[in-house]
Protein backbone atom coordinates (compact mmCIF):
# COMPACT_ATOMS: atom_id res chain seq x y z
CA MET A 1 95.45 68.34 -14.28
CA ILE A 2 94.26 64.77 -13.92
CA ILE A 3 95.57 62.15 -16.33
CA ASP A 4 95.21 58.37 -16.39
CA MET A 5 98.76 57.26 -17.14
CA HIS A 6 98.04 53.63 -18.05
CA VAL A 7 95.30 52.67 -20.54
CA HIS A 8 95.07 49.97 -23.23
CA THR A 9 93.02 49.65 -26.41
CA LYS A 10 92.38 46.73 -28.74
CA LEU A 11 95.83 47.25 -30.26
CA SER A 12 97.28 45.68 -27.11
CA GLY A 13 95.74 42.36 -28.10
CA ASP A 14 94.06 41.73 -24.74
CA SER A 15 91.62 44.63 -24.83
CA SER A 16 88.49 45.46 -26.83
CA ALA A 17 88.34 49.15 -25.89
CA THR A 18 88.84 52.14 -28.17
CA ALA A 19 90.08 55.63 -27.39
CA GLU A 20 86.65 57.05 -28.18
CA GLU A 21 84.94 54.68 -25.73
CA TYR A 22 87.24 55.92 -22.99
CA CYS A 23 86.52 59.51 -23.97
CA ARG A 24 82.76 58.96 -23.85
CA ALA A 25 83.08 57.56 -20.32
CA ILE A 26 85.24 60.53 -19.31
CA GLU A 27 82.70 62.95 -20.77
CA LYS A 28 80.08 61.57 -18.37
CA PHE A 29 82.53 61.46 -15.47
CA ARG A 30 83.41 65.13 -15.94
CA ARG A 31 79.91 66.08 -14.83
CA HIS A 32 80.97 64.96 -11.36
CA HIS A 33 84.77 65.25 -11.26
CA PRO A 34 87.52 67.04 -13.23
CA PHE A 35 89.48 64.87 -15.64
CA ASP A 36 91.84 65.91 -18.40
CA GLY A 37 93.15 62.96 -20.38
CA ILE A 38 94.69 59.55 -20.86
CA VAL A 39 97.95 58.00 -21.95
CA ILE A 40 97.46 54.97 -24.17
CA THR A 41 100.23 52.50 -23.32
CA GLU A 42 99.84 49.49 -25.57
CA HIS A 43 101.69 46.27 -24.88
CA ARG A 44 104.85 46.14 -27.04
CA VAL A 45 103.26 48.29 -29.77
CA TYR A 46 103.72 51.93 -30.76
CA HIS A 47 101.85 53.26 -33.79
CA PRO A 48 101.30 57.04 -33.68
CA ASN A 49 97.63 57.50 -34.49
CA GLU A 50 96.60 60.80 -36.08
CA ALA A 51 92.94 59.96 -35.44
CA TYR A 52 93.58 60.40 -31.73
CA GLN A 53 94.05 64.12 -32.26
CA GLU A 54 90.61 64.39 -33.85
CA ILE A 55 89.05 62.43 -30.98
CA ALA A 56 90.90 64.57 -28.43
CA GLU A 57 89.57 67.76 -30.01
CA LYS A 58 86.05 66.35 -30.24
CA TYR A 59 85.93 65.60 -26.52
CA GLU A 60 88.24 68.45 -25.46
CA MET A 61 90.74 66.27 -23.67
CA LEU A 62 94.30 65.01 -23.95
CA ILE A 63 95.21 61.72 -25.60
CA PHE A 64 98.89 60.82 -25.45
CA GLN A 65 100.71 57.65 -26.50
CA GLY A 66 103.37 55.73 -24.61
CA ILE A 67 104.30 52.04 -24.48
CA GLU A 68 104.21 49.26 -21.91
CA VAL A 69 107.19 47.03 -22.68
CA ASP A 70 108.03 43.60 -21.37
CA ALA A 71 111.45 43.64 -19.67
CA ASP A 72 113.44 41.13 -17.65
CA PHE A 73 112.14 42.38 -14.28
CA GLY A 74 108.56 42.95 -15.47
CA HIS A 75 106.64 45.66 -17.31
CA LEU A 76 107.87 49.22 -17.85
CA LEU A 77 105.71 52.19 -18.82
CA LEU A 78 107.60 54.41 -21.25
CA TYR A 79 106.75 58.05 -21.93
CA GLY A 80 108.38 60.33 -24.51
CA ILE A 81 108.92 57.82 -27.33
CA THR A 82 111.17 59.01 -30.15
CA ASP A 83 112.45 57.53 -33.41
CA LYS A 84 115.89 57.39 -31.79
CA PHE A 85 114.54 55.17 -29.03
CA LEU A 86 112.63 52.91 -31.44
CA ARG A 87 115.76 52.41 -33.54
CA ALA A 88 117.68 51.27 -30.48
CA ILE A 89 115.05 49.05 -28.78
CA ASP A 90 112.87 46.39 -30.39
CA ILE A 91 109.75 47.00 -28.32
CA SER A 92 107.99 43.94 -29.76
CA GLN A 93 110.37 41.62 -27.91
CA ARG A 94 109.80 40.15 -24.46
CA HIS A 95 112.29 40.14 -21.58
CA LEU A 96 114.15 43.24 -22.75
CA ASN A 97 117.17 44.25 -20.72
CA SER A 98 115.86 46.69 -18.11
CA GLU A 99 119.11 48.59 -17.74
CA LYS A 100 119.34 49.19 -21.49
CA VAL A 101 115.69 50.26 -21.80
CA ILE A 102 115.91 52.66 -18.84
CA ARG A 103 119.14 54.21 -20.11
CA THR A 104 118.01 54.43 -23.74
CA ILE A 105 114.65 56.08 -23.04
CA ALA A 106 116.38 58.62 -20.77
CA ASP A 107 119.04 59.35 -23.40
CA SER A 108 116.21 59.84 -25.92
CA GLY A 109 114.49 62.44 -23.73
CA GLY A 110 111.85 60.17 -22.19
CA ILE A 111 111.32 58.32 -18.94
CA ALA A 112 110.72 54.74 -17.75
CA ILE A 113 108.39 53.84 -14.88
CA PRO A 114 107.80 50.29 -13.57
CA SER A 115 104.13 49.35 -13.80
CA HIS A 116 102.39 47.36 -11.01
CA PRO A 117 105.81 46.64 -9.41
CA PHE A 118 104.41 44.11 -6.93
CA ARG A 119 102.13 42.23 -9.35
CA GLU A 120 103.78 39.81 -11.75
CA SER A 121 106.92 41.92 -11.49
CA GLY A 122 110.35 41.83 -9.91
CA TYR A 123 110.79 45.61 -9.94
CA GLY A 124 109.35 46.10 -6.47
CA ALA A 125 111.71 43.61 -4.84
CA ALA A 126 114.67 44.87 -6.87
CA LEU A 127 114.06 48.50 -5.93
CA LYS A 128 113.58 47.50 -2.32
CA ALA A 129 116.99 45.84 -2.46
CA HIS A 130 118.52 48.88 -4.24
CA THR A 131 119.56 46.84 -7.29
CA ASN A 132 122.18 48.80 -9.18
CA THR A 133 120.85 47.78 -12.60
CA LEU A 134 117.75 49.90 -11.92
CA ASN A 135 119.65 53.16 -11.53
CA GLY A 136 117.58 55.84 -13.22
CA ILE A 137 114.23 54.69 -11.81
CA THR A 138 112.84 57.48 -9.65
CA ILE A 139 109.10 56.84 -10.13
CA ILE A 140 106.94 53.72 -9.88
CA GLU A 141 103.28 53.08 -10.51
CA GLU A 142 101.99 53.53 -6.96
CA LEU A 143 98.27 53.10 -7.62
CA ASN A 144 97.12 50.64 -10.28
CA GLY A 145 93.39 50.15 -10.76
CA THR A 146 93.64 46.41 -11.34
CA ASN A 147 95.94 45.74 -8.39
CA THR A 148 94.77 44.41 -5.06
CA ALA A 149 94.88 46.76 -2.08
CA GLU A 150 97.85 44.74 -0.81
CA GLN A 151 99.81 45.17 -4.03
CA ASN A 152 99.22 48.93 -4.06
CA GLY A 153 100.04 49.03 -0.37
CA LYS A 154 103.45 47.50 -1.00
CA ALA A 155 104.15 50.18 -3.63
CA ILE A 156 103.09 52.91 -1.20
CA ASP A 157 105.37 51.45 1.46
CA LEU A 158 108.32 51.27 -0.96
CA ILE A 159 107.87 54.90 -1.91
CA GLY A 160 107.77 55.92 1.73
CA LYS A 161 111.02 54.14 2.49
CA ASN A 162 113.07 54.65 -0.69
CA GLY A 163 112.33 58.26 -1.63
CA LEU A 164 110.67 57.34 -4.90
CA ARG A 165 107.63 59.07 -6.34
CA GLY A 166 104.42 57.45 -7.53
CA ILE A 167 101.93 57.78 -10.36
CA GLY A 168 98.43 56.36 -10.72
CA GLY A 169 96.74 54.66 -13.64
CA SER A 170 93.73 52.47 -14.20
CA ASP A 171 95.51 49.84 -16.31
CA ALA A 172 92.17 49.72 -18.12
CA HIS A 173 91.56 47.19 -20.87
CA TYR A 174 87.84 47.89 -21.09
CA ALA A 175 85.86 51.13 -20.81
CA ASN A 176 83.64 50.07 -17.92
CA LYS A 177 83.47 50.65 -14.17
CA HIS A 178 85.34 47.44 -13.38
CA TRP A 179 88.41 48.71 -15.22
CA PHE A 180 88.34 52.43 -15.92
CA LEU A 181 88.25 55.72 -13.98
CA SER A 182 89.64 54.10 -10.85
CA CYS A 183 93.12 55.61 -10.48
CA ALA A 184 94.94 58.52 -12.11
CA THR A 185 97.67 61.10 -11.56
CA ALA A 186 97.07 64.71 -10.51
CA PHE A 187 99.63 67.16 -11.89
CA ALA A 188 100.05 70.60 -10.34
CA ASN A 189 101.03 72.34 -13.58
CA PRO A 190 99.39 72.56 -17.03
CA ILE A 191 100.21 69.84 -19.55
CA HIS A 192 99.57 70.19 -23.28
CA THR A 193 102.09 67.85 -24.92
CA MET A 194 103.98 64.66 -24.18
CA ALA A 195 107.08 66.81 -23.71
CA ASP A 196 105.20 68.69 -20.98
CA LEU A 197 104.22 65.40 -19.38
CA VAL A 198 107.78 64.11 -19.27
CA LYS A 199 108.99 67.46 -17.92
CA GLU A 200 106.45 67.37 -15.10
CA LEU A 201 107.30 63.76 -14.27
CA ARG A 202 110.93 64.78 -13.88
CA LYS A 203 109.99 67.81 -11.77
CA GLY A 204 107.98 65.61 -9.42
CA ASP A 205 105.05 67.94 -8.78
CA PHE A 206 102.33 65.31 -9.02
CA LYS A 207 100.59 62.63 -6.96
CA PRO A 208 98.56 59.47 -7.59
CA ILE A 209 94.86 59.63 -6.79
CA THR A 210 91.93 57.23 -6.56
CA LEU A 211 88.67 58.09 -8.29
CA ASP A 212 85.06 57.35 -7.39
CA ASN A 213 83.56 56.02 -10.60
CA THR A 214 80.41 54.81 -8.82
CA VAL A 215 78.88 58.21 -9.56
CA LEU A 216 78.38 56.97 -13.10
CA GLY A 217 76.51 53.80 -12.26
CA ASP A 218 76.99 51.27 -15.05
CA PHE A 219 79.04 52.46 -18.03
């Protein structure tokens, strides 16, 4: 299954895209390449949206919700958000304590993954130096669609040397070819729920992939 693990909508404040716009682009892309869904990871916001289920059914794809929080080392993608986690962490705040966020999301049944660890982030350098405060991080965002080749290359190199695993995501803020359908994650096993997604992330049977969105022309 192929899922874009890192997508933003207008709720992030720096995007004008909607979930349906992404789905319409995916619908066209599926004529050329398999694609199964997206994870909407808004900046410092988490509002479960029941309308997403209707959109997901309409386009026959998966729409999950996570968060991208602002922590002291940089941004963290969080999957498997629960009420327990939201009671413990004020996700609206900037410069959250990384160690606390990583521990709390794990204790709540979810998982934390540093996003673009070598772009506006200290996670890459910290993981390279085996910083103890980042115990619990086993996955990083290896391929980010808005990164430079050099930034993604550093993540690839870190994974090769430190035994981490990597995911891929577009980091899309707009539903066009300059932002979307560039990178994603291919999972070996079926995924139907966020619980499935977290389970497969922990199992490690996945890999980041790049996508050729030029088959769509302008979109």
